[in-house]
Amino acid sequence: MPFPLKKEGLLQAWAYALASVVFLLPVVNPDIWWHLSAGRWIWEHGAVPAADSFSFTRAGAPWIDFEWLFQLAVLAVHRAAGDWGLWALKFALLALAAWPTDGLLRDRGVSGGARVLATAAWAAGFFSKADLRPDLLSAAFFALLLRRLESGRASFLFGFGLFALWANLHGGFVLGLGLYAAAALPRRRTGRPPARDLAGEACGALLGACLNPFGLRLYEVFFLHAGDPAMRAFVAEWQAFSLRWSFHWPLAAFLPASLAAAWLRRREDPLLAAVAAAAAVAGIWSTRFTLYWAAAAAPLLAAALPRAHPAALALILAGLTALGARALRPVRLGLPFQDLYVARRAADFIAEQKQELGGLRLFNTYEWGGYLGWRTGAPVFGDGRYLFHGQNAAFQAALESPADLAAFLGKERLDGLFVRRFRSFIEGVRVHPDGSRVPVRRPWYLAFLPRERWALVYWDDLALVFVDRAKVAPAWLSAHEYRWWRPDDDEARDDALARGEIPRAAYDAERARQQSALKSH
């Protein structure tokens, strides 16, 4: 039956409101900071880096910087408009990615109800990845190419120009090359002719992709990623679809629905069906691929359900709204950059104390290395690049016992740690002067980082900073160490305070210093 016009307008407004949340999310990607450092290096040296110079653990190691052009663009935007410029760039790239998919819906003249379903699917696909990352450019180019091939357009020059640009922005160009095979093979089986000059455009694309600073060596990156067992285990952006992560919940219904739609529409829409099915399976393996899935799944679902009942669409939108609201709990709209995955205050402290800490070999959590390197300009332990994926497993193994951590710190010749504030405890006992024994929970770091060697010099709700006492000046250490006001040691501290075992004046001074430091960062 015809879709009621009034309900159609209301449901479309609801769907667009949900999609607008995707656009308005703050930037949270910690990798953007090492991208900025790379862009700064390229600008200062007039060349693309071929070896690592941002770490002290892999200095001089070969590095294929396959996103160098994106890094220059991000640097220019940040220098012109700061964090708000990064957010505006994210907004623009999302709009660029949405435009071809919306154009494909217009090309097909889909109904209002089908557009609601397509918009909801697109928003679900981008929800967990709507961040400032070069993947957005690949998503935009992928959607653009899909629309052209679906409409039967192709030319050598377009393929050459698009891939000459794409191959210098992000490695997702290989998925674009795969589109040409998808455009040819399914259509051949159904008797529908492929786009005119499809082979010519594919040849142009292959030639254009060769115009990069690394030539055919660029493809080494994909083998390095494919053979890296630590990538999906420890790198959040590569993790598989899982209901454990609330940001994945909006995809829960759409991924299987797209597989069903691909089967139903395999003859009428072979290209969309092949792409949506392959990308859905890849998206289950890693949600990094849902950006590409959305470009095919949105029009495919619209074609499979051209006349969905208003009540069913309302139920879908209501569910998507509820799931999105749950996933957005830690997110603060209205910020250009939110420190969900970057301990910026602690890194700013290290940068401000560069005279004393700048020459130290500090361990850092991998996702924090990009911002630390950007702020200090000094080599870091590691960052989010593929060069350092193996470090994550090594550090996790070191946390098995104090002896393992001591061995790790010695092997890496580390002078300090910039580490996450784990809420992990060990069972301890306080012995009072009268011989009575009181069980207490103590924070993990007291056992793993003995105070005789390691001094806590900064802490907040996200991070802890420790330094080797022997590697800093005694006067500086006296002014910055926290001996009494320490995180997650409430039980022992309160007992010691009540018994007068802690000098009250020193305790109050440390507490005031830490609170002042939090306000200033």
Protein backbone atom coordinates (compact mmCIF):
# COMPACT_ATOMS: atom_id res chain seq x y z
CA MET A 1 0.00 0.00 0.00
CA PRO A 2 1.21 3.58 -0.51
CA PHE A 3 3.37 4.95 2.27
CA PRO A 4 1.37 7.66 4.12
CA LEU A 5 2.91 11.01 3.29
CA LYS A 6 2.66 12.47 6.78
CA LYS A 7 4.17 9.43 8.47
CA GLU A 8 6.80 9.27 5.75
CA GLY A 9 7.95 12.80 6.54
CA LEU A 10 8.06 12.15 10.28
CA LEU A 11 10.01 8.93 9.92
CA GLN A 12 12.45 10.51 7.48
CA ALA A 13 13.05 13.37 9.92
CA TRP A 14 13.68 10.81 12.67
CA ALA A 15 16.13 8.86 10.52
CA TYR A 16 18.00 12.01 9.53
CA ALA A 17 18.18 13.08 13.18
CA LEU A 18 19.84 9.75 14.03
CA ALA A 19 22.28 10.14 11.16
CA SER A 20 23.10 13.69 12.29
CA VAL A 21 24.39 12.30 15.60
CA VAL A 22 27.02 10.43 13.60
CA PHE A 23 28.17 13.73 12.12
CA LEU A 24 28.20 15.55 15.48
CA LEU A 25 30.32 13.07 17.44
CA PRO A 26 33.61 14.53 18.71
CA VAL A 27 36.96 13.35 17.42
CA VAL A 28 38.34 10.63 19.72
CA ASN A 29 40.85 8.86 17.47
CA PRO A 30 44.23 8.79 19.30
CA ASP A 31 46.07 8.07 16.04
CA ILE A 32 45.32 11.53 14.70
CA TRP A 33 48.24 12.88 16.76
CA TRP A 34 50.93 10.70 15.22
CA HIS A 35 49.40 11.55 11.84
CA LEU A 36 49.98 15.21 12.76
CA SER A 37 53.57 14.45 13.79
CA ALA A 38 54.14 12.71 10.45
CA GLY A 39 52.61 15.65 8.59
CA ARG A 40 54.91 18.02 10.48
CA TRP A 41 57.94 15.89 9.58
CA ILE A 42 56.94 15.80 5.90
CA TRP A 43 56.44 19.56 5.82
CA GLU A 44 59.77 20.26 7.52
CA HIS A 45 61.81 17.80 5.44
CA GLY A 46 60.04 18.09 2.10
CA ALA A 47 59.94 14.30 1.76
CA VAL A 48 57.89 11.27 2.74
CA PRO A 49 59.46 9.31 5.64
CA ALA A 50 60.86 5.91 4.77
CA ALA A 51 62.00 4.97 8.28
CA ASP A 52 60.75 5.52 11.81
CA SER A 53 62.09 8.55 13.66
CA PHE A 54 59.29 9.01 16.21
CA SER A 55 60.26 6.24 18.65
CA PHE A 56 63.33 5.07 20.53
CA THR A 57 62.32 1.40 20.23
CA ARG A 58 62.10 1.15 16.41
CA ALA A 59 64.23 4.13 15.34
CA GLY A 60 65.49 3.60 11.81
CA ALA A 61 63.14 0.68 11.09
CA PRO A 62 61.61 0.76 7.58
CA TRP A 63 58.20 2.40 7.60
CA ILE A 64 55.80 2.61 4.66
CA ASP A 65 53.85 5.78 5.39
CA PHE A 66 50.97 5.02 3.04
CA GLU A 67 48.79 7.86 4.43
CA TRP A 68 51.26 10.70 3.93
CA LEU A 69 48.97 12.96 1.87
CA PHE A 70 46.19 12.69 4.46
CA GLN A 71 48.72 13.67 7.12
CA LEU A 72 49.70 16.84 5.28
CA ALA A 73 46.04 17.80 4.89
CA VAL A 74 45.31 17.20 8.57
CA LEU A 75 48.35 19.26 9.58
CA ALA A 76 47.21 22.20 7.44
CA VAL A 77 43.72 22.07 8.95
CA HIS A 78 45.00 21.83 12.52
CA ARG A 79 47.42 24.72 12.07
CA ALA A 80 44.61 26.83 10.63
CA ALA A 81 41.82 26.00 13.08
CA GLY A 82 43.09 23.75 15.89
CA ASP A 83 40.90 21.03 17.40
CA TRP A 84 37.72 22.56 15.97
CA GLY A 85 39.30 22.37 12.55
CA LEU A 86 39.84 18.64 13.04
CA TRP A 87 36.19 18.24 13.99
CA ALA A 88 35.06 20.26 10.96
CA LEU A 89 37.24 18.10 8.70
CA LYS A 90 35.65 14.97 10.16
CA PHE A 91 32.20 16.42 9.47
CA ALA A 92 33.16 17.25 5.89
CA LEU A 93 34.60 13.78 5.22
CA LEU A 94 31.46 12.12 6.58
CA ALA A 95 29.36 14.31 4.30
CA LEU A 96 31.62 13.34 1.39
CA ALA A 97 31.09 9.67 2.24
CA ALA A 98 27.30 10.06 2.51
CA TRP A 99 26.84 12.01 -0.73
CA PRO A 100 27.43 9.15 -3.25
CA THR A 101 25.19 6.76 -1.30
CA ASP A 102 22.43 9.33 -1.20
CA GLY A 103 23.00 9.90 -4.91
CA LEU A 104 22.57 6.19 -5.60
CA LEU A 105 19.25 6.28 -3.74
CA ARG A 106 18.20 9.26 -5.86
CA ASP A 107 19.29 7.47 -9.04
CA ARG A 108 16.97 4.62 -8.15
CA GLY A 109 14.08 6.87 -7.10
CA VAL A 110 13.48 4.92 -3.90
CA SER A 111 10.34 5.53 -1.85
CA GLY A 112 10.25 7.51 1.36
CA GLY A 113 10.02 4.39 3.49
CA ALA A 114 12.94 2.76 1.72
CA ARG A 115 14.98 5.93 2.24
CA VAL A 116 14.26 5.73 5.98
CA LEU A 117 15.59 2.17 6.08
CA ALA A 118 18.64 3.08 4.00
CA THR A 119 19.46 6.08 6.20
CA ALA A 120 19.21 3.96 9.34
CA ALA A 121 21.51 1.30 7.85
CA TRP A 122 24.06 3.92 6.77
CA ALA A 123 24.07 5.48 10.24
CA ALA A 124 24.55 2.06 11.87
CA GLY A 125 27.49 1.32 9.57
CA PHE A 126 29.26 4.57 10.39
CA PHE A 127 28.30 4.83 14.06
CA SER A 128 31.31 3.04 15.53
CA LYS A 129 33.79 4.50 13.00
CA ALA A 130 32.59 8.10 12.62
CA ASP A 131 35.94 9.52 13.63
CA LEU A 132 38.67 11.52 11.97
CA ARG A 133 40.69 8.84 10.27
CA PRO A 134 41.86 8.33 6.66
CA ASP A 135 39.35 5.49 6.37
CA LEU A 136 36.65 8.13 5.82
CA LEU A 137 38.33 9.17 2.58
CA SER A 138 38.41 5.56 1.44
CA ALA A 139 34.74 5.19 2.37
CA ALA A 140 33.90 8.26 0.29
CA PHE A 141 35.89 7.13 -2.76
CA PHE A 142 34.53 3.61 -2.45
CA ALA A 143 30.93 4.88 -2.40
CA LEU A 144 31.64 7.19 -5.34
CA LEU A 145 33.13 4.36 -7.39
CA LEU A 146 30.29 2.02 -6.48
CA ARG A 147 27.72 4.55 -7.67
CA ARG A 148 29.55 5.05 -10.98
CA LEU A 149 29.91 1.34 -11.66
CA GLU A 150 26.31 0.66 -10.68
CA SER A 151 25.17 3.31 -13.16
CA GLY A 152 27.31 1.83 -15.95
CA ARG A 153 29.87 4.63 -16.20
CA ALA A 154 33.61 3.99 -16.54
CA SER A 155 36.65 5.61 -18.16
CA PHE A 156 40.41 5.15 -18.12
CA LEU A 157 41.15 8.72 -17.04
CA PHE A 158 38.73 8.61 -14.13
CA GLY A 159 40.26 5.39 -12.79
CA PHE A 160 43.79 6.72 -13.22
CA GLY A 161 43.09 10.04 -11.50
CA LEU A 162 41.03 8.60 -8.65
CA PHE A 163 43.57 5.93 -7.70
CA ALA A 164 46.59 8.18 -8.13
CA LEU A 165 45.03 10.27 -5.36
CA TRP A 166 43.53 7.45 -3.30
CA ALA A 167 46.73 5.37 -3.08
CA ASN A 168 48.48 8.29 -1.36
CA LEU A 169 45.70 8.88 1.15
CA HIS A 170 44.82 5.45 2.55
CA GLY A 171 45.32 1.76 1.94
CA GLY A 172 41.59 1.25 1.41
CA PHE A 173 42.24 1.80 -2.30
CA VAL A 174 42.75 -1.97 -2.65
CA LEU A 175 39.07 -2.44 -1.82
CA GLY A 176 38.28 -0.05 -4.64
CA LEU A 177 40.33 -2.21 -7.00
CA GLY A 178 38.23 -5.16 -5.85
CA LEU A 179 35.09 -3.33 -6.95
CA TYR A 180 36.08 -3.75 -10.58
CA ALA A 181 36.11 -7.53 -10.22
CA ALA A 182 32.76 -7.40 -8.43
CA ALA A 183 31.34 -5.22 -11.21
CA ALA A 184 32.36 -7.69 -13.90
CA LEU A 185 31.87 -11.19 -12.53
CA PRO A 186 28.32 -11.09 -11.10
CA ARG A 187 26.95 -9.30 -14.15
CA ARG A 188 28.49 -11.84 -16.45
CA ARG A 189 26.63 -14.67 -14.70
CA THR A 190 23.30 -12.88 -15.02
CA GLY A 191 23.78 -11.80 -18.59
CA ARG A 192 23.79 -8.10 -17.75
CA PRO A 193 26.63 -6.21 -19.47
CA PRO A 194 29.24 -4.54 -17.26
CA ALA A 195 29.92 -0.84 -17.41
CA ARG A 196 31.27 0.28 -20.77
CA ASP A 197 35.10 0.49 -20.71
CA LEU A 198 35.19 -1.22 -17.32
CA ALA A 199 38.45 -2.96 -18.23
CA GLY A 200 39.94 0.36 -19.35
CA GLU A 201 39.07 2.08 -16.08
CA ALA A 202 40.43 -0.87 -14.10
CA CYS A 203 43.72 -0.61 -16.00
CA GLY A 204 43.81 3.12 -15.34
CA ALA A 205 43.19 2.47 -11.65
CA LEU A 206 46.06 -0.02 -11.45
CA LEU A 207 48.42 2.42 -13.15
CA GLY A 208 47.27 5.33 -11.01
CA ALA A 209 47.83 3.34 -7.82
CA CYS A 210 51.48 2.93 -8.82
CA LEU A 211 52.00 6.70 -8.54
CA ASN A 212 53.04 6.70 -4.89
CA PRO A 213 56.41 7.21 -3.18
CA PHE A 214 56.83 3.49 -2.48
CA GLY A 215 55.79 1.99 -5.80
CA LEU A 216 54.86 -1.69 -5.58
CA ARG A 217 56.36 -1.85 -2.06
CA LEU A 218 53.15 -0.16 -0.91
CA TYR A 219 51.45 -3.55 -1.09
CA GLU A 220 53.80 -4.89 1.60
CA VAL A 221 51.64 -3.07 4.14
CA PHE A 222 48.71 -5.38 3.50
CA PHE A 223 50.81 -8.51 4.00
CA LEU A 224 52.23 -7.04 7.22
CA HIS A 225 48.73 -6.39 8.52
CA ALA A 226 47.39 -9.77 7.42
CA GLY A 227 50.22 -11.62 9.14
CA ASP A 228 50.07 -9.67 12.41
CA PRO A 229 48.41 -11.81 15.14
CA ALA A 230 48.50 -8.92 17.65
CA MET A 231 46.50 -6.59 15.41
CA ARG A 232 42.99 -7.84 16.15
CA ALA A 233 43.87 -8.96 19.68
CA PHE A 234 45.07 -5.61 20.97
CA VAL A 235 44.22 -2.86 18.45
CA ALA A 236 40.68 -1.65 19.13
CA GLU A 237 39.93 -0.40 15.62
CA TRP A 238 40.58 -3.88 14.17
CA GLN A 239 38.52 -5.87 16.66
CA ALA A 240 35.74 -8.13 15.50
CA PHE A 241 32.06 -7.32 15.77
CA SER A 242 30.94 -8.16 19.29
CA LEU A 243 27.90 -7.45 21.41
CA ARG A 244 30.30 -6.75 24.28
CA TRP A 245 30.91 -3.32 22.73
CA SER A 246 27.93 -0.99 22.86
CA PHE A 247 29.13 0.94 19.81
CA HIS A 248 28.56 -2.23 17.78
CA TRP A 249 24.97 -2.73 18.90
CA PRO A 250 23.32 -0.65 16.13
CA LEU A 251 24.82 -3.10 13.63
CA ALA A 252 23.34 -6.16 15.30
CA ALA A 253 20.25 -6.37 13.10
CA PHE A 254 21.50 -4.67 9.95
CA LEU A 255 24.46 -6.96 9.21
CA PRO A 256 22.40 -10.19 9.04
CA ALA A 257 19.56 -8.31 7.31
CA SER A 258 21.97 -7.21 4.58
CA LEU A 259 23.08 -10.81 4.03
CA ALA A 260 19.44 -11.82 3.56
CA ALA A 261 18.87 -8.88 1.21
CA ALA A 262 21.97 -9.83 -0.79
CA TRP A 263 20.53 -13.30 -1.35
CA LEU A 264 17.12 -11.97 -2.32
CA ARG A 265 18.53 -9.35 -4.72
CA ARG A 266 21.45 -11.37 -6.12
CA ARG A 267 19.95 -11.40 -9.63
CA GLU A 268 18.40 -7.95 -9.78
CA ASP A 269 21.37 -6.15 -8.08
CA PRO A 270 24.37 -8.45 -8.46
CA LEU A 271 26.98 -5.75 -7.81
CA LEU A 272 25.33 -4.38 -4.68
CA ALA A 273 24.57 -7.90 -3.44
CA ALA A 274 28.15 -9.10 -3.90
CA VAL A 275 29.66 -6.02 -2.24
CA ALA A 276 27.18 -5.96 0.65
CA ALA A 277 27.62 -9.68 1.38
CA ALA A 278 31.41 -9.57 1.23
CA ALA A 279 31.59 -6.39 3.31
CA ALA A 280 29.11 -7.78 5.88
CA VAL A 281 31.30 -10.85 6.42
CA ALA A 282 34.39 -8.63 6.61
CA GLY A 283 32.52 -6.32 9.02
CA ILE A 284 31.84 -9.24 11.34
CA TRP A 285 35.55 -10.09 11.21
CA SER A 286 36.45 -6.44 11.87
CA THR A 287 34.05 -3.50 12.13
CA ARG A 288 36.61 -1.40 10.29
CA PHE A 289 34.91 -2.65 7.10
CA THR A 290 31.41 -1.46 7.99
CA LEU A 291 32.14 1.89 6.34
CA TYR A 292 32.30 0.09 3.00
CA TRP A 293 29.40 -2.19 3.85
CA ALA A 294 27.14 0.85 4.39
CA ALA A 295 27.69 2.13 0.83
CA ALA A 296 26.21 -1.08 -0.68
CA ALA A 297 23.89 -2.20 2.13
CA ALA A 298 21.88 1.05 2.31
CA PRO A 299 20.60 0.94 -1.32
CA LEU A 300 20.37 -2.85 -1.26
CA LEU A 301 18.09 -2.88 1.80
CA ALA A 302 16.04 -0.09 0.22
CA ALA A 303 15.58 -2.27 -2.87
CA ALA A 304 14.75 -5.40 -0.86
CA LEU A 305 12.11 -3.62 1.25
CA PRO A 306 10.73 -0.83 -0.95
CA ARG A 307 7.41 -0.65 0.91
CA ALA A 308 8.12 -1.40 4.56
CA HIS A 309 5.22 -0.80 6.94
CA PRO A 310 5.45 2.46 8.92
CA ALA A 311 5.11 0.60 12.21
CA ALA A 312 8.05 -1.65 11.32
CA LEU A 313 10.19 1.33 10.37
CA ALA A 314 9.24 3.13 13.57
CA LEU A 315 10.25 0.04 15.55
CA ILE A 316 13.61 -0.07 13.77
CA LEU A 317 14.26 3.61 14.44
CA ALA A 318 13.19 3.26 18.08
CA GLY A 319 15.57 0.36 18.58
CA LEU A 320 18.40 2.20 16.87
CA THR A 321 17.72 5.25 19.04
CA ALA A 322 17.82 3.19 22.24
CA LEU A 323 20.99 1.35 21.26
CA GLY A 324 22.68 4.57 20.17
CA ALA A 325 21.75 6.33 23.41
CA ARG A 326 23.31 3.49 25.41
CA ALA A 327 26.48 3.55 23.35
CA LEU A 328 26.77 7.34 23.63
CA ARG A 329 26.88 7.40 27.43
CA PRO A 330 30.63 8.12 27.66
CA VAL A 331 30.51 10.62 24.78
CA ARG A 332 30.14 14.37 25.25
CA LEU A 333 28.65 16.11 22.24
CA GLY A 334 29.77 19.69 21.74
CA LEU A 335 33.49 18.96 22.15
CA PRO A 336 35.86 19.04 19.17
CA PHE A 337 38.11 16.37 20.69
CA GLN A 338 37.25 14.13 23.64
CA ASP A 339 39.93 12.38 25.67
CA LEU A 340 38.31 8.95 25.71
CA TYR A 341 41.46 7.22 24.45
CA VAL A 342 44.15 9.85 25.05
CA ALA A 343 45.48 10.88 28.47
CA ARG A 344 46.12 14.43 27.34
CA ARG A 345 46.46 15.97 30.80
CA ALA A 346 49.20 13.56 31.82
CA ALA A 347 50.98 13.99 28.47
CA ASP A 348 50.78 17.76 28.87
CA PHE A 349 52.46 17.41 32.28
CA ILE A 350 55.30 15.40 30.70
CA ALA A 351 55.65 18.02 27.96
CA GLU A 352 55.77 20.85 30.53
CA GLN A 353 58.48 18.97 32.45
CA LYS A 354 60.48 18.30 29.31
CA GLN A 355 63.68 19.73 30.78
CA GLU A 356 63.72 17.00 33.41
CA LEU A 357 61.81 14.20 31.65
CA GLY A 358 62.61 14.85 27.99
CA GLY A 359 65.69 12.65 27.88
CA LEU A 360 64.15 9.67 29.67
CA ARG A 361 63.05 6.45 28.03
CA LEU A 362 59.40 6.40 29.13
CA PHE A 363 57.09 3.49 28.50
CA ASN A 364 53.74 4.65 27.14
CA THR A 365 50.48 2.88 26.42
CA TYR A 366 50.39 2.46 22.63
CA GLU A 367 47.36 4.67 21.94
CA TRP A 368 48.90 7.51 24.00
CA GLY A 369 52.20 7.60 22.13
CA GLY A 370 50.87 9.68 19.25
CA TYR A 371 49.79 12.61 21.42
CA LEU A 372 52.86 12.35 23.65
CA GLY A 373 55.14 12.55 20.62
CA TRP A 374 53.14 15.42 19.13
CA ARG A 375 53.33 17.45 22.36
CA THR A 376 56.93 16.77 23.29
CA GLY A 377 58.54 16.28 19.87
CA ALA A 378 60.65 13.59 21.56
CA PRO A 379 60.87 9.90 20.63
CA VAL A 380 58.31 7.71 22.39
CA PHE A 381 58.12 4.03 23.27
CA GLY A 382 55.53 3.40 20.55
CA ASP A 383 52.29 4.63 19.01
CA GLY A 384 49.37 3.33 16.95
CA ARG A 385 51.32 2.55 13.78
CA TYR A 386 51.60 -1.03 12.54
CA LEU A 387 55.26 -1.02 13.57
CA PHE A 388 54.31 -1.32 17.23
CA HIS A 389 51.47 -3.84 17.35
CA GLY A 390 53.73 -6.45 18.94
CA GLN A 391 54.50 -4.18 21.90
CA ASN A 392 50.97 -4.57 23.22
CA ALA A 393 51.31 -8.30 23.76
CA ALA A 394 54.73 -7.89 25.38
CA PHE A 395 53.44 -5.39 27.94
CA GLN A 396 50.34 -7.44 28.73
CA ALA A 397 52.56 -10.44 29.38
CA ALA A 398 54.78 -8.32 31.63
CA LEU A 399 51.81 -7.55 33.87
CA GLU A 400 51.51 -11.21 34.85
CA SER A 401 53.81 -10.72 37.82
CA PRO A 402 56.18 -8.14 39.39
CA ALA A 403 59.14 -10.22 38.23
CA ASP A 404 57.85 -10.23 34.64
CA LEU A 405 57.39 -6.45 34.68
CA ALA A 406 60.87 -5.93 36.14
CA ALA A 407 62.34 -8.07 33.37
CA PHE A 408 60.40 -6.11 30.74
CA LEU A 409 61.55 -2.75 32.12
CA GLY A 410 65.13 -3.96 32.23
CA LYS A 411 65.07 -5.38 28.72
CA GLU A 412 63.74 -2.13 27.29
CA ARG A 413 66.07 -0.03 29.49
CA LEU A 414 63.15 2.12 30.63
CA ASP A 415 63.49 5.11 32.95
CA GLY A 416 59.79 5.60 33.64
CA LEU A 417 56.24 4.68 32.76
CA PHE A 418 53.28 6.63 31.39
CA VAL A 419 50.64 4.00 31.99
CA ARG A 420 46.91 3.58 32.28
CA ARG A 421 45.39 3.79 35.75
CA PHE A 422 44.28 0.19 36.07
CA ARG A 423 41.74 -0.43 38.84
CA SER A 424 43.48 -3.63 39.88
CA PHE A 425 44.25 -4.58 43.46
CA ILE A 426 46.30 -6.99 45.52
CA GLU A 427 45.40 -8.29 48.93
CA GLY A 428 47.66 -6.91 51.67
CA VAL A 429 47.94 -6.67 55.42
CA ARG A 430 48.69 -3.68 57.64
CA VAL A 431 50.47 -4.49 60.89
CA HIS A 432 49.71 -2.02 63.68
CA PRO A 433 52.20 -1.12 66.41
CA ASP A 434 50.28 -3.28 68.89
CA GLY A 435 50.75 -6.30 66.62
CA SER A 436 47.21 -6.44 65.30
CA ARG A 437 46.86 -7.22 61.61
CA VAL A 438 44.27 -5.60 59.34
CA PRO A 439 43.59 -6.92 55.80
CA VAL A 440 43.58 -4.14 53.16
CA ARG A 441 43.39 -3.91 49.40
CA ARG A 442 46.37 -2.14 47.85
CA PRO A 443 46.76 -0.87 44.26
CA TRP A 444 48.68 -3.07 41.84
CA TYR A 445 51.52 -0.63 41.29
CA LEU A 446 52.78 -0.89 44.90
CA ALA A 447 53.78 -4.51 44.21
CA PHE A 448 54.79 -4.13 40.56
CA LEU A 449 56.68 -0.83 40.89
CA PRO A 450 58.48 -0.84 44.26
CA ARG A 451 58.71 2.60 45.83
CA GLU A 452 62.40 2.10 46.55
CA ARG A 453 63.04 2.59 42.83
CA TRP A 454 59.91 4.05 41.22
CA ALA A 455 58.38 7.38 42.23
CA LEU A 456 54.84 8.43 41.32
CA VAL A 457 55.07 12.02 40.00
CA TYR A 458 51.67 12.53 38.35
CA TRP A 459 48.25 10.91 38.40
CA ASP A 460 44.68 11.59 37.36
CA ASP A 461 41.59 9.56 36.55
CA LEU A 462 43.18 8.09 33.38
CA ALA A 463 46.93 7.87 33.84
CA LEU A 464 49.88 7.34 36.17
CA VAL A 465 53.41 8.63 35.58
CA PHE A 466 56.34 6.94 37.34
CA VAL A 467 60.04 7.74 37.07
CA ASP A 468 63.19 6.00 38.20
CA ARG A 469 64.42 7.90 41.25
CA ALA A 470 68.00 7.65 40.08
CA LYS A 471 67.26 9.31 36.72
CA VAL A 472 65.90 12.67 37.94
CA ALA A 473 67.24 15.44 40.14
CA PRO A 474 66.46 15.00 43.86
CA ALA A 475 65.10 18.55 44.14
CA TRP A 476 62.70 18.02 41.23
CA LEU A 477 61.60 14.69 42.65
CA SER A 478 60.96 16.20 46.09
CA ALA A 479 58.69 18.80 44.49
CA HIS A 480 56.68 16.34 42.35
CA GLU A 481 56.50 12.95 44.06
CA TYR A 482 53.27 11.71 45.63
CA ARG A 483 54.23 9.74 48.72
CA TRP A 484 50.96 9.95 50.65
CA TRP A 485 48.18 11.12 48.33
CA ARG A 486 48.16 8.15 45.93
CA PRO A 487 45.36 6.78 43.74
CA ASP A 488 43.29 3.73 44.68
CA ASP A 489 45.00 3.26 48.07
CA ASP A 490 42.11 4.56 50.15
CA GLU A 491 41.86 1.72 52.68
CA ALA A 492 45.49 1.80 53.78
CA ARG A 493 45.71 5.60 53.61
CA ASP A 494 42.59 6.18 55.71
CA ASP A 495 43.80 3.70 58.32
CA ALA A 496 47.22 5.35 58.45
CA LEU A 497 45.69 8.82 58.70
CA ALA A 498 43.42 7.76 61.54
CA ARG A 499 46.42 6.39 63.44
CA GLY A 500 48.56 9.47 62.80
CA GLU A 501 51.11 7.57 60.73
CA ILE A 502 50.99 10.06 57.84
CA PRO A 503 52.26 13.64 58.32
CA ARG A 504 49.05 15.61 57.83
CA ALA A 505 50.71 18.74 56.47
CA ALA A 506 52.60 16.80 53.78
CA TYR A 507 49.46 14.87 52.88
CA ASP A 508 47.37 18.05 52.52
CA ALA A 509 50.10 19.69 50.44
CA GLU A 510 50.23 16.76 48.01
CA ARG A 511 46.47 16.66 47.68
CA ALA A 512 46.29 20.40 46.97
CA ARG A 513 49.13 20.09 44.43
CA GLN A 514 47.41 17.27 42.56
CA GLN A 515 44.07 19.08 42.43
CA SER A 516 45.79 22.24 41.21
CA ALA A 517 47.57 20.25 38.50
CA LEU A 518 44.26 18.80 37.30
CA LYS A 519 42.74 22.26 37.01
CA SER A 520 45.71 23.63 35.07
CA HIS A 521 45.68 20.85 32.45
